[in-house]
């Protein structure tokens, strides 16, 4: 069984990444980053978990970490990426892995 509440948190972070780094719609963002628009919508809405390979693409292009996407941990991010995520998402994020021990 999938952990949909956890996927929703990841989806909120994906939305924050998209909106923080661009003004693109989900469809435009998906195309720009080489994702299928339906799959990306499912990830951002929390219906499905983004695969590691797709998350790695976002990490490489936008200077993110897998911990930021999957766990909300911001301690490995640049100041710019950290500010973008903190200003774009309403869910709890942390700057220290000790503060968010999931």
PDB file of N, CA and C in Angstrom:
ATOM      1  N   UNK A   1       0.835  -1.188   0.000  1.00  0.00           N
ATOM      2  CA  UNK A   1       0.000   0.000   0.000  1.00  0.00           C
ATOM      3  C   UNK A   1       0.879   1.251   0.000  1.00  0.00           C
ATOM      4  N   UNK A   2       0.520   2.201  -0.823  1.00  0.00           N
ATOM      5  CA  UNK A   2       1.298   3.427  -0.938  1.00  0.00           C
ATOM      6  C   UNK A   2       1.026   4.366   0.228  1.00  0.00           C
ATOM      7  N   UNK A   3       2.040   5.126   0.604  1.00  0.00           N
ATOM      8  CA  UNK A   3       1.914   6.082   1.702  1.00  0.00           C
ATOM      9  C   UNK A   3       1.498   7.425   1.113  1.00  0.00           C
ATOM     10  N   UNK A   4       0.196   7.608   0.877  1.00  0.00           N
ATOM     11  CA  UNK A   4      -0.279   8.792   0.166  1.00  0.00           C
ATOM     12  C   UNK A   4      -0.062  10.086   0.918  1.00  0.00           C
ATOM     13  N   UNK A   5      -0.111  10.082   2.245  1.00  0.00           N
ATOM     14  CA  UNK A   5       0.127  11.342   2.959  1.00  0.00           C
ATOM     15  C   UNK A   5       1.571  11.795   2.778  1.00  0.00           C
ATOM     16  N   UNK A   6       2.489  10.865   2.768  1.00  0.00           N
ATOM     17  CA  UNK A   6       3.894  11.194   2.520  1.00  0.00           C
ATOM     18  C   UNK A   6       4.069  11.681   1.083  1.00  0.00           C
ATOM     19  N   UNK A   7       3.375  11.058   0.147  1.00  0.00           N
ATOM     20  CA  UNK A   7       3.451  11.474  -1.250  1.00  0.00           C
ATOM     21  C   UNK A   7       2.905  12.881  -1.425  1.00  0.00           C
ATOM     22  N   UNK A   8       1.872  13.225  -0.662  1.00  0.00           N
ATOM     23  CA  UNK A   8       1.313  14.579  -0.744  1.00  0.00           C
ATOM     24  C   UNK A   8       2.334  15.605  -0.278  1.00  0.00           C
ATOM     25  N   UNK A   9       3.085  15.282   0.772  1.00  0.00           N
ATOM     26  CA  UNK A   9       4.139  16.186   1.236  1.00  0.00           C
ATOM     27  C   UNK A   9       5.205  16.370   0.166  1.00  0.00           C
ATOM     28  N   UNK A  10       5.584  15.280  -0.474  1.00  0.00           N
ATOM     29  CA  UNK A  10       6.558  15.360  -1.564  1.00  0.00           C
ATOM     30  C   UNK A  10       5.974  16.202  -2.690  1.00  0.00           C
ATOM     31  N   UNK A  11       4.713  15.996  -3.009  1.00  0.00           N
ATOM     32  CA  UNK A  11       4.050  16.762  -4.060  1.00  0.00           C
ATOM     33  C   UNK A  11       4.031  18.251  -3.772  1.00  0.00           C
ATOM     34  N   UNK A  12       3.791  18.600  -2.522  1.00  0.00           N
ATOM     35  CA  UNK A  12       3.808  20.014  -2.134  1.00  0.00           C
ATOM     36  C   UNK A  12       5.200  20.594  -2.350  1.00  0.00           C
ATOM     37  N   UNK A  13       6.228  19.814  -2.008  1.00  0.00           N
ATOM     38  CA  UNK A  13       7.593  20.290  -2.245  1.00  0.00           C
ATOM     39  C   UNK A  13       7.881  20.412  -3.739  1.00  0.00           C
ATOM     40  N   UNK A  14       7.387  19.469  -4.542  1.00  0.00           N
ATOM     41  CA  UNK A  14       7.579  19.569  -5.996  1.00  0.00           C
ATOM     42  C   UNK A  14       6.908  20.819  -6.551  1.00  0.00           C
ATOM     43  N   UNK A  15       5.720  21.105  -6.060  1.00  0.00           N
ATOM     44  CA  UNK A  15       5.024  22.323  -6.481  1.00  0.00           C
ATOM     45  C   UNK A  15       5.828  23.559  -6.080  1.00  0.00           C
ATOM     46  N   UNK A  16       6.361  23.555  -4.865  1.00  0.00           N
ATOM     47  CA  UNK A  16       7.176  24.678  -4.401  1.00  0.00           C
ATOM     48  C   UNK A  16       8.415  24.853  -5.263  1.00  0.00           C
ATOM     49  N   UNK A  17       9.017  23.750  -5.666  1.00  0.00           N
ATOM     50  CA  UNK A  17      10.195  23.813  -6.539  1.00  0.00           C
ATOM     51  C   UNK A  17       9.805  24.431  -7.877  1.00  0.00           C
ATOM     52  N   UNK A  18       8.722  23.919  -8.463  1.00  0.00           N
ATOM     53  CA  UNK A  18       8.277  24.431  -9.765  1.00  0.00           C
ATOM     54  C   UNK A  18       7.967  25.920  -9.691  1.00  0.00           C
ATOM     55  N   UNK A  19       7.188  26.320  -8.704  1.00  0.00           N
ATOM     56  CA  UNK A  19       6.770  27.715  -8.587  1.00  0.00           C
ATOM     57  C   UNK A  19       7.899  28.626  -8.119  1.00  0.00           C
ATOM     58  N   UNK A  20       8.819  28.082  -7.357  1.00  0.00           N
ATOM     59  CA  UNK A  20       9.948  28.878  -6.896  1.00  0.00           C
ATOM     60  C   UNK A  20      10.974  29.150  -7.979  1.00  0.00           C
ATOM     61  N   UNK A  21      11.148  28.185  -8.871  1.00  0.00           N
ATOM     62  CA  UNK A  21      12.150  28.316  -9.920  1.00  0.00           C
ATOM     63  C   UNK A  21      11.576  28.785 -11.249  1.00  0.00           C
ATOM     64  N   UNK A  22      10.245  28.892 -11.351  1.00  0.00           N
ATOM     65  CA  UNK A  22       9.653  29.277 -12.637  1.00  0.00           C
ATOM     66  C   UNK A  22       8.236  29.805 -12.443  1.00  0.00           C
ATOM     67  N   UNK A  23       7.655  30.247 -13.536  1.00  0.00           N
ATOM     68  CA  UNK A  23       6.236  30.609 -13.558  1.00  0.00           C
ATOM     69  C   UNK A  23       5.485  29.658 -14.496  1.00  0.00           C
ATOM     70  N   UNK A  24       6.074  28.495 -14.735  1.00  0.00           N
ATOM     71  CA  UNK A  24       5.506  27.546 -15.690  1.00  0.00           C
ATOM     72  C   UNK A  24       4.366  26.734 -15.075  1.00  0.00           C
ATOM     73  N   UNK A  25       3.432  26.345 -15.937  1.00  0.00           N
ATOM     74  CA  UNK A  25       2.371  25.423 -15.525  1.00  0.00           C
ATOM     75  C   UNK A  25       2.985  24.034 -15.328  1.00  0.00           C
ATOM     76  N   UNK A  26       2.223  23.139 -14.737  1.00  0.00           N
ATOM     77  CA  UNK A  26       2.696  21.763 -14.588  1.00  0.00           C
ATOM     78  C   UNK A  26       3.071  21.161 -15.939  1.00  0.00           C
ATOM     79  N   UNK A  27       2.229  21.364 -16.947  1.00  0.00           N
ATOM     80  CA  UNK A  27       2.482  20.806 -18.282  1.00  0.00           C
ATOM     81  C   UNK A  27       3.764  21.364 -18.877  1.00  0.00           C
ATOM     82  N   UNK A  28       3.948  22.683 -18.789  1.00  0.00           N
ATOM     83  CA  UNK A  28       5.159  23.314 -19.329  1.00  0.00           C
ATOM     84  C   UNK A  28       6.406  22.840 -18.579  1.00  0.00           C
ATOM     85  N   UNK A  29       6.300  22.774 -17.252  1.00  0.00           N
ATOM     86  CA  UNK A  29       7.419  22.344 -16.413  1.00  0.00           C
ATOM     87  C   UNK A  29       7.807  20.901 -16.732  1.00  0.00           C
ATOM     88  N   UNK A  30       6.792  20.040 -16.855  1.00  0.00           N
ATOM     89  CA  UNK A  30       7.047  18.634 -17.170  1.00  0.00           C
ATOM     90  C   UNK A  30       7.804  18.522 -18.490  1.00  0.00           C
ATOM     91  N   UNK A  31       7.332  19.216 -19.510  1.00  0.00           N
ATOM     92  CA  UNK A  31       8.001  19.168 -20.812  1.00  0.00           C
ATOM     93  C   UNK A  31       9.415  19.702 -20.762  1.00  0.00           C
ATOM     94  N   UNK A  32       9.602  20.811 -20.069  1.00  0.00           N
ATOM     95  CA  UNK A  32      10.925  21.424 -19.958  1.00  0.00           C
ATOM     96  C   UNK A  32      11.935  20.473 -19.326  1.00  0.00           C
ATOM     97  N   UNK A  33      11.465  19.668 -18.372  1.00  0.00           N
ATOM     98  CA  UNK A  33      12.363  18.777 -17.639  1.00  0.00           C
ATOM     99  C   UNK A  33      12.345  17.331 -18.133  1.00  0.00           C
ATOM    100  N   UNK A  34      11.649  17.086 -19.257  1.00  0.00           N
ATOM    101  CA  UNK A  34      11.657  15.766 -19.869  1.00  0.00           C
ATOM    102  C   UNK A  34      10.736  14.753 -19.218  1.00  0.00           C
ATOM    103  N   UNK A  35       9.694  15.228 -18.523  1.00  0.00           N
ATOM    104  CA  UNK A  35       8.748  14.336 -17.867  1.00  0.00           C
ATOM    105  C   UNK A  35       7.443  14.295 -18.654  1.00  0.00           C
ATOM    106  N   UNK A  36       6.731  13.192 -18.526  1.00  0.00           N
ATOM    107  CA  UNK A  36       5.390  13.073 -19.077  1.00  0.00           C
ATOM    108  C   UNK A  36       4.464  13.939 -18.219  1.00  0.00           C
ATOM    109  N   UNK A  37       3.613  14.728 -18.842  1.00  0.00           N
ATOM    110  CA  UNK A  37       2.777  15.677 -18.082  1.00  0.00           C
ATOM    111  C   UNK A  37       1.818  14.984 -17.113  1.00  0.00           C
ATOM    112  N   UNK A  38       1.262  13.842 -17.489  1.00  0.00           N
ATOM    113  CA  UNK A  38       0.354  13.125 -16.605  1.00  0.00           C
ATOM    114  C   UNK A  38       1.103  12.550 -15.410  1.00  0.00           C
ATOM    115  N   UNK A  39       2.267  11.961 -15.671  1.00  0.00           N
ATOM    116  CA  UNK A  39       3.068  11.431 -14.570  1.00  0.00           C
ATOM    117  C   UNK A  39       3.459  12.550 -13.618  1.00  0.00           C
ATOM    118  N   UNK A  40       3.918  13.688 -14.169  1.00  0.00           N
ATOM    119  CA  UNK A  40       4.331  14.780 -13.311  1.00  0.00           C
ATOM    120  C   UNK A  40       3.151  15.278 -12.475  1.00  0.00           C
ATOM    121  N   UNK A  41       1.986  15.391 -13.079  1.00  0.00           N
ATOM    122  CA  UNK A  41       0.801  15.810 -12.323  1.00  0.00           C
ATOM    123  C   UNK A  41       0.529  14.856 -11.165  1.00  0.00           C
ATOM    124  N   UNK A  42       0.663  13.559 -11.421  1.00  0.00           N
ATOM    125  CA  UNK A  42       0.456  12.564 -10.364  1.00  0.00           C
ATOM    126  C   UNK A  42       1.475  12.728  -9.234  1.00  0.00           C
ATOM    127  N   UNK A  43       2.692  13.100  -9.565  1.00  0.00           N
ATOM    128  CA  UNK A  43       3.720  13.307  -8.539  1.00  0.00           C
ATOM    129  C   UNK A  43       3.397  14.554  -7.724  1.00  0.00           C
ATOM    130  N   UNK A  44       3.075  15.641  -8.419  1.00  0.00           N
ATOM    131  CA  UNK A  44       2.855  16.908  -7.722  1.00  0.00           C
ATOM    132  C   UNK A  44       1.572  16.894  -6.896  1.00  0.00           C
ATOM    133  N   UNK A  45       0.578  16.149  -7.308  1.00  0.00           N
ATOM    134  CA  UNK A  45      -0.663  16.067  -6.538  1.00  0.00           C
ATOM    135  C   UNK A  45      -0.606  14.993  -5.455  1.00  0.00           C
ATOM    136  N   UNK A  46       0.476  14.229  -5.411  1.00  0.00           N
ATOM    137  CA  UNK A  46       0.649  13.219  -4.372  1.00  0.00           C
ATOM    138  C   UNK A  46      -0.025  11.899  -4.656  1.00  0.00           C
ATOM    139  N   UNK A  47      -0.504  11.700  -5.873  1.00  0.00           N
ATOM    140  CA  UNK A  47      -1.116  10.408  -6.210  1.00  0.00           C
ATOM    141  C   UNK A  47      -0.066   9.308  -6.351  1.00  0.00           C
ATOM    142  N   UNK A  48       1.117   9.695  -6.784  1.00  0.00           N
ATOM    143  CA  UNK A  48       2.230   8.758  -6.952  1.00  0.00           C
ATOM    144  C   UNK A  48       3.503   9.412  -6.425  1.00  0.00           C
ATOM    145  N   UNK A  49       4.482   8.581  -6.082  1.00  0.00           N
ATOM    146  CA  UNK A  49       5.780   9.087  -5.634  1.00  0.00           C
ATOM    147  C   UNK A  49       6.679   9.297  -6.842  1.00  0.00           C
ATOM    148  N   UNK A  50       7.357  10.420  -6.885  1.00  0.00           N
ATOM    149  CA  UNK A  50       8.293  10.683  -7.966  1.00  0.00           C
ATOM    150  C   UNK A  50       9.426   9.654  -7.896  1.00  0.00           C
ATOM    151  N   UNK A  51       9.767   9.004  -9.016  1.00  0.00           N
ATOM    152  CA  UNK A  51      10.871   8.039  -9.003  1.00  0.00           C
ATOM    153  C   UNK A  51      12.206   8.743  -8.735  1.00  0.00           C
ATOM    154  N   UNK A  52      13.114   8.011  -8.157  1.00  0.00           N
ATOM    155  CA  UNK A  52      14.423   8.576  -7.820  1.00  0.00           C
ATOM    156  C   UNK A  52      15.099   9.168  -9.049  1.00  0.00           C
ATOM    157  N   UNK A  53      15.011   8.504 -10.179  1.00  0.00           N
ATOM    158  CA  UNK A  53      15.671   8.994 -11.390  1.00  0.00           C
ATOM    159  C   UNK A  53      15.137  10.367 -11.804  1.00  0.00           C
ATOM    160  N   UNK A  54      13.832  10.554 -11.696  1.00  0.00           N
ATOM    161  CA  UNK A  54      13.230  11.850 -12.037  1.00  0.00           C
ATOM    162  C   UNK A  54      13.626  12.903 -11.006  1.00  0.00           C
ATOM    163  N   UNK A  55      13.635  12.522  -9.737  1.00  0.00           N
ATOM    164  CA  UNK A  55      14.049  13.451  -8.685  1.00  0.00           C
ATOM    165  C   UNK A  55      15.509  13.857  -8.880  1.00  0.00           C
ATOM    166  N   UNK A  56      16.345  12.913  -9.296  1.00  0.00           N
ATOM    167  CA  UNK A  56      17.752  13.228  -9.554  1.00  0.00           C
ATOM    168  C   UNK A  56      17.891  14.247 -10.683  1.00  0.00           C
ATOM    169  N   UNK A  57      17.021  14.176 -11.672  1.00  0.00           N
ATOM    170  CA  UNK A  57      17.032  15.163 -12.750  1.00  0.00           C
ATOM    171  C   UNK A  57      16.811  16.558 -12.172  1.00  0.00           C
ATOM    172  N   UNK A  58      15.811  16.703 -11.311  1.00  0.00           N
ATOM    173  CA  UNK A  58      15.549  17.998 -10.680  1.00  0.00           C
ATOM    174  C   UNK A  58      16.735  18.447  -9.825  1.00  0.00           C
ATOM    175  N   UNK A  59      17.333  17.497  -9.121  1.00  0.00           N
ATOM    176  CA  UNK A  59      18.505  17.823  -8.294  1.00  0.00           C
ATOM    177  C   UNK A  59      19.637  18.371  -9.154  1.00  0.00           C
ATOM    178  N   UNK A  60      19.909  17.710 -10.261  1.00  0.00           N
ATOM    179  CA  UNK A  60      21.005  18.120 -11.141  1.00  0.00           C
ATOM    180  C   UNK A  60      20.756  19.482 -11.769  1.00  0.00           C
ATOM    181  N   UNK A  61      19.539  19.717 -12.209  1.00  0.00           N
ATOM    182  CA  UNK A  61      19.222  20.960 -12.926  1.00  0.00           C
ATOM    183  C   UNK A  61      19.075  22.147 -11.975  1.00  0.00           C
ATOM    184  N   UNK A  62      18.489  21.932 -10.811  1.00  0.00           N
ATOM    185  CA  UNK A  62      18.131  23.048  -9.932  1.00  0.00           C
ATOM    186  C   UNK A  62      18.947  23.113  -8.633  1.00  0.00           C
ATOM    187  N   UNK A  63      19.969  22.293  -8.520  1.00  0.00           N
ATOM    188  CA  UNK A  63      20.819  22.348  -7.338  1.00  0.00           C
ATOM    189  C   UNK A  63      20.135  21.889  -6.068  1.00  0.00           C
ATOM    190  N   UNK A  64      19.279  20.893  -6.196  1.00  0.00           N
ATOM    191  CA  UNK A  64      18.533  20.370  -5.055  1.00  0.00           C
ATOM    192  C   UNK A  64      19.195  19.100  -4.534  1.00  0.00           C
ATOM    193  N   UNK A  65      18.631  18.541  -3.483  1.00  0.00           N
ATOM    194  CA  UNK A  65      19.073  17.249  -2.968  1.00  0.00           C
ATOM    195  C   UNK A  65      17.867  16.323  -2.876  1.00  0.00           C
ATOM    196  N   UNK A  66      18.132  15.036  -2.890  1.00  0.00           N
ATOM    197  CA  UNK A  66      17.047  14.078  -2.706  1.00  0.00           C
ATOM    198  C   UNK A  66      16.408  14.247  -1.333  1.00  0.00           C
ATOM    199  N   UNK A  67      17.207  14.574  -0.343  1.00  0.00           N
ATOM    200  CA  UNK A  67      16.647  14.821   0.991  1.00  0.00           C
ATOM    201  C   UNK A  67      15.656  15.983   0.981  1.00  0.00           C
ATOM    202  N   UNK A  68      15.937  17.008   0.201  1.00  0.00           N
ATOM    203  CA  UNK A  68      15.011  18.142   0.129  1.00  0.00           C
ATOM    204  C   UNK A  68      13.686  17.715  -0.502  1.00  0.00           C
ATOM    205  N   UNK A  69      13.757  16.937  -1.561  1.00  0.00           N
ATOM    206  CA  UNK A  69      12.543  16.510  -2.267  1.00  0.00           C
ATOM    207  C   UNK A  69      11.756  15.500  -1.448  1.00  0.00           C
ATOM    208  N   UNK A  70      12.420  14.457  -0.992  1.00  0.00           N
ATOM    209  CA  UNK A  70      11.716  13.362  -0.338  1.00  0.00           C
ATOM    210  C   UNK A  70      11.434  13.580   1.144  1.00  0.00           C
ATOM    211  N   UNK A  71      12.315  14.312   1.835  1.00  0.00           N
ATOM    212  CA  UNK A  71      12.189  14.392   3.287  1.00  0.00           C
ATOM    213  C   UNK A  71      12.016  15.804   3.819  1.00  0.00           C
ATOM    214  N   UNK A  72      12.160  16.799   2.966  1.00  0.00           N
ATOM    215  CA  UNK A  72      11.997  18.172   3.421  1.00  0.00           C
ATOM    216  C   UNK A  72      13.192  18.721   4.165  1.00  0.00           C
ATOM    217  N   UNK A  73      14.318  18.088   4.039  1.00  0.00           N
ATOM    218  CA  UNK A  73      15.537  18.533   4.711  1.00  0.00           C
ATOM    219  C   UNK A  73      16.307  19.478   3.798  1.00  0.00           C
ATOM    220  N   UNK A  74      16.602  20.643   4.304  1.00  0.00           N
ATOM    221  CA  UNK A  74      17.224  21.683   3.486  1.00  0.00           C
ATOM    222  C   UNK A  74      18.700  21.909   3.783  1.00  0.00           C
ATOM    223  N   UNK A  75      19.277  21.155   4.701  1.00  0.00           N
ATOM    224  CA  UNK A  75      20.636  21.425   5.132  1.00  0.00           C
ATOM    225  C   UNK A  75      21.692  21.252   4.051  1.00  0.00           C
ATOM    226  N   UNK A  76      21.428  20.562   2.956  1.00  0.00           N
ATOM    227  CA  UNK A  76      22.420  20.389   1.900  1.00  0.00           C
ATOM    228  C   UNK A  76      22.257  21.333   0.724  1.00  0.00           C
ATOM    229  N   UNK A  77      21.328  22.274   0.816  1.00  0.00           N
ATOM    230  CA  UNK A  77      21.016  23.153  -0.304  1.00  0.00           C
ATOM    231  C   UNK A  77      21.821  24.445  -0.280  1.00  0.00           C
ATOM    232  N   UNK A  78      21.930  25.051  -1.458  1.00  0.00           N
ATOM    233  CA  UNK A  78      22.517  26.386  -1.529  1.00  0.00           C
ATOM    234  C   UNK A  78      21.566  27.367  -0.845  1.00  0.00           C
ATOM    235  N   UNK A  79      22.085  28.529  -0.485  1.00  0.00           N
ATOM    236  CA  UNK A  79      21.234  29.545   0.147  1.00  0.00           C
ATOM    237  C   UNK A  79      20.068  29.920  -0.752  1.00  0.00           C
ATOM    238  N   UNK A  80      20.319  30.031  -2.056  1.00  0.00           N
ATOM    239  CA  UNK A  80      19.269  30.407  -3.001  1.00  0.00           C
ATOM    240  C   UNK A  80      18.158  29.359  -3.031  1.00  0.00           C
ATOM    241  N   UNK A  81      18.526  28.090  -3.179  1.00  0.00           N
ATOM    242  CA  UNK A  81      17.527  27.017  -3.220  1.00  0.00           C
ATOM    243  C   UNK A  81      16.764  26.926  -1.909  1.00  0.00           C
ATOM    244  N   UNK A  82      17.456  27.085  -0.805  1.00  0.00           N
ATOM    245  CA  UNK A  82      16.811  27.036   0.513  1.00  0.00           C
ATOM    246  C   UNK A  82      15.768  28.142   0.631  1.00  0.00           C
ATOM    247  N   UNK A  83      16.125  29.360   0.237  1.00  0.00           N
ATOM    248  CA  UNK A  83      15.198  30.487   0.320  1.00  0.00           C
ATOM    249  C   UNK A  83      13.980  30.262  -0.569  1.00  0.00           C
ATOM    250  N   UNK A  84      14.208  29.735  -1.764  1.00  0.00           N
ATOM    251  CA  UNK A  84      13.100  29.465  -2.684  1.00  0.00           C
ATOM    252  C   UNK A  84      12.107  28.489  -2.059  1.00  0.00           C
ATOM    253  N   UNK A  85      12.610  27.398  -1.512  1.00  0.00           N
ATOM    254  CA  UNK A  85      11.707  26.403  -0.924  1.00  0.00           C
ATOM    255  C   UNK A  85      11.025  26.911   0.333  1.00  0.00           C
ATOM    256  N   UNK A  86      11.741  27.615   1.166  1.00  0.00           N
ATOM    257  CA  UNK A  86      11.134  28.132   2.391  1.00  0.00           C
ATOM    258  C   UNK A  86      10.049  29.165   2.107  1.00  0.00           C
ATOM    259  N   UNK A  87      10.202  29.923   1.027  1.00  0.00           N
ATOM    260  CA  UNK A  87       9.206  30.941   0.712  1.00  0.00           C
ATOM    261  C   UNK A  87       8.057  30.399  -0.123  1.00  0.00           C
ATOM    262  N   UNK A  88       8.200  29.191  -0.682  1.00  0.00           N
ATOM    263  CA  UNK A  88       7.205  28.667  -1.615  1.00  0.00           C
ATOM    264  C   UNK A  88       6.315  27.563  -1.070  1.00  0.00           C
ATOM    265  N   UNK A  89       6.638  26.993   0.067  1.00  0.00           N
ATOM    266  CA  UNK A  89       5.862  25.853   0.549  1.00  0.00           C
ATOM    267  C   UNK A  89       5.336  26.069   1.966  1.00  0.00           C
ATOM    268  N   UNK A  90       4.090  25.680   2.211  1.00  0.00           N
ATOM    269  CA  UNK A  90       3.508  25.860   3.541  1.00  0.00           C
ATOM    270  C   UNK A  90       3.832  24.729   4.518  1.00  0.00           C
ATOM    271  N   UNK A  91       4.415  23.622   4.053  1.00  0.00           N
ATOM    272  CA  UNK A  91       4.670  22.523   4.982  1.00  0.00           C
ATOM    273  C   UNK A  91       6.016  22.677   5.661  1.00  0.00           C
ATOM    274  N   UNK A  92       6.166  22.020   6.760  1.00  0.00           N
ATOM    275  CA  UNK A  92       7.386  22.141   7.555  1.00  0.00           C
ATOM    276  C   UNK A  92       8.588  21.605   6.805  1.00  0.00           C
ATOM    277  N   UNK A  93       9.595  22.427   6.765  1.00  0.00           N
ATOM    278  CA  UNK A  93      10.887  22.045   6.226  1.00  0.00           C
ATOM    279  C   UNK A  93      11.902  22.322   7.313  1.00  0.00           C
ATOM    280  N   UNK A  94      13.046  21.719   7.201  1.00  0.00           N
ATOM    281  CA  UNK A  94      14.056  21.917   8.225  1.00  0.00           C
ATOM    282  C   UNK A  94      15.420  22.170   7.609  1.00  0.00           C
ATOM    283  N   UNK A  95      16.234  22.918   8.293  1.00  0.00           N
ATOM    284  CA  UNK A  95      17.588  23.177   7.822  1.00  0.00           C
ATOM    285  C   UNK A  95      18.585  22.242   8.465  1.00  0.00           C
ATOM    286  N   UNK A  96      18.131  21.356   9.336  1.00  0.00           N
ATOM    287  CA  UNK A  96      19.023  20.410   9.982  1.00  0.00           C
ATOM    288  C   UNK A  96      18.380  19.031  10.001  1.00  0.00           C
ATOM    289  N   UNK A  97      19.124  18.037   9.567  1.00  0.00           N
ATOM    290  CA  UNK A  97      18.584  16.674   9.572  1.00  0.00           C
ATOM    291  C   UNK A  97      18.281  16.200  10.985  1.00  0.00           C
ATOM    292  N   UNK A  98      18.911  16.793  11.992  1.00  0.00           N
ATOM    293  CA  UNK A  98      18.627  16.425  13.375  1.00  0.00           C
ATOM    294  C   UNK A  98      17.224  16.870  13.783  1.00  0.00           C
ATOM    295  N   UNK A  99      16.719  17.942  13.129  1.00  0.00           N
ATOM    296  CA  UNK A  99      15.399  18.472  13.463  1.00  0.00           C
ATOM    297  C   UNK A  99      14.263  17.674  12.827  1.00  0.00           C
ATOM    298  N   UNK A 100      14.551  16.876  11.810  1.00  0.00           N
ATOM    299  CA  UNK A 100      13.524  16.164  11.056  1.00  0.00           C
ATOM    300  C   UNK A 100      13.965  14.711  10.871  1.00  0.00           C
ATOM    301  N   UNK A 101      13.871  13.873  11.886  1.00  0.00           N
ATOM    302  CA  UNK A 101      14.461  12.541  11.864  1.00  0.00           C
ATOM    303  C   UNK A 101      13.666  11.457  11.159  1.00  0.00           C
ATOM    304  N   UNK A 102      12.846  11.777  10.199  1.00  0.00           N
ATOM    305  CA  UNK A 102      12.026  10.761   9.505  1.00  0.00           C
ATOM    306  C   UNK A 102      12.805   9.576   9.050  1.00  0.00           C
TER     307      UNK A 102
END
